[in-house]
Amino acid sequence: MTPTLKTKSFIDTLVFDLKDASILSAILRDGEGKICSSLETEFTPGLTTYYWCGFNDLPYGEYTLELSGNNEKTVISLVKRI
């Protein structure tokens, strides 16, 4: 199962629901398509939530998040807000 995002807006942290996911790969892109941050990690069985922190320095606006895990991929539109 592909990890899912808890909410489509964020301030400084993205929170993922990881039901049955063992590997998470994520790429956060700005409105122009430039990579702002990327993450690739493995999870131990039983972990259900992951917190990706450190987005305080990103400007407010629209972003695209590419999530992949367990051979599935999802693209989600996000908004960084105040």
Protein backbone atom coordinates (compact mmCIF):
# COMPACT_ATOMS: atom_id res chain seq x y z
CA MET A 1 0.00 0.00 0.00
CA THR A 2 1.23 3.49 -0.78
CA PRO A 3 1.66 5.74 2.25
CA THR A 4 -1.00 8.42 2.54
CA LEU A 5 -0.74 11.98 3.79
CA LYS A 6 -2.78 13.00 6.85
CA THR A 7 -3.58 16.52 5.52
CA LYS A 8 -3.02 18.44 2.27
CA SER A 9 -1.77 21.58 4.01
CA PHE A 10 1.29 21.93 6.21
CA ILE A 11 3.34 24.46 8.14
CA ASP A 12 6.63 22.74 8.99
CA THR A 13 5.84 18.99 9.16
CA LEU A 14 4.24 16.40 6.86
CA VAL A 15 2.57 13.40 8.54
CA PHE A 16 2.18 10.08 6.70
CA ASP A 17 -0.07 7.10 7.46
CA LEU A 18 1.95 3.96 6.73
CA LYS A 19 -0.49 1.06 6.83
CA ASP A 20 1.37 -2.00 5.52
CA ALA A 21 4.20 0.13 4.05
CA SER A 22 7.79 -0.89 4.67
CA ILE A 23 9.61 1.59 2.42
CA LEU A 24 8.78 5.24 1.85
CA SER A 25 10.23 7.44 -0.86
CA ALA A 26 9.04 11.05 -1.01
CA ILE A 27 9.96 14.07 -3.13
CA LEU A 28 8.61 17.55 -2.38
CA ARG A 29 8.61 19.96 -5.36
CA ASP A 30 7.77 23.65 -5.50
CA GLY A 31 5.33 25.21 -7.99
CA GLU A 32 8.06 25.39 -10.65
CA GLY A 33 8.89 21.67 -10.31
CA LYS A 34 12.21 22.14 -8.48
CA ILE A 35 13.01 19.57 -5.78
CA CYS A 36 12.84 21.20 -2.34
CA SER A 37 13.41 18.07 -0.27
CA SER A 38 13.54 14.31 -0.64
CA LEU A 39 13.27 11.37 1.73
CA GLU A 40 13.87 7.65 1.43
CA THR A 41 13.60 5.41 4.47
CA GLU A 42 12.67 1.91 5.61
CA PHE A 43 10.28 1.19 8.46
CA THR A 44 10.07 -1.49 11.08
CA PRO A 45 6.89 -3.59 11.21
CA GLY A 46 4.17 -2.03 13.34
CA LEU A 47 5.08 1.60 12.62
CA THR A 48 1.95 3.38 11.43
CA THR A 49 2.85 7.09 11.39
CA TYR A 50 5.91 8.98 10.16
CA TYR A 51 6.67 12.68 10.74
CA TRP A 52 8.80 14.45 8.09
CA CYS A 53 9.94 17.69 9.70
CA GLY A 54 12.04 20.68 8.67
CA PHE A 55 9.97 22.78 6.30
CA ASN A 56 10.14 26.05 8.26
CA ASP A 57 12.41 27.67 5.67
CA LEU A 58 10.22 26.92 2.65
CA PRO A 59 8.17 29.84 1.33
CA TYR A 60 4.39 29.69 1.58
CA GLY A 61 2.62 28.43 -1.52
CA GLU A 62 1.72 25.38 -3.58
CA TYR A 63 3.83 22.21 -3.68
CA THR A 64 3.66 18.74 -5.20
CA LEU A 65 4.48 15.66 -3.17
CA GLU A 66 5.43 12.42 -4.91
CA LEU A 67 5.01 9.42 -2.59
CA SER A 68 6.02 5.89 -3.43
CA GLY A 69 6.16 2.70 -1.43
CA ASN A 70 5.67 -1.00 -2.01
CA ASN A 71 5.82 -0.50 -5.82
CA GLU A 72 3.00 2.10 -5.88
CA LYS A 73 3.24 5.84 -6.56
CA THR A 74 0.97 8.76 -5.66
CA VAL A 75 1.23 12.46 -6.52
CA ILE A 76 -0.48 14.91 -4.15
CA SER A 77 -0.93 18.70 -4.40
CA LEU A 78 -0.14 20.51 -1.14
CA VAL A 79 -0.26 24.01 0.28
CA LYS A 80 2.21 25.40 2.78
CA ARG A 81 0.30 27.84 4.92
CA ILE A 82 0.89 30.27 7.75
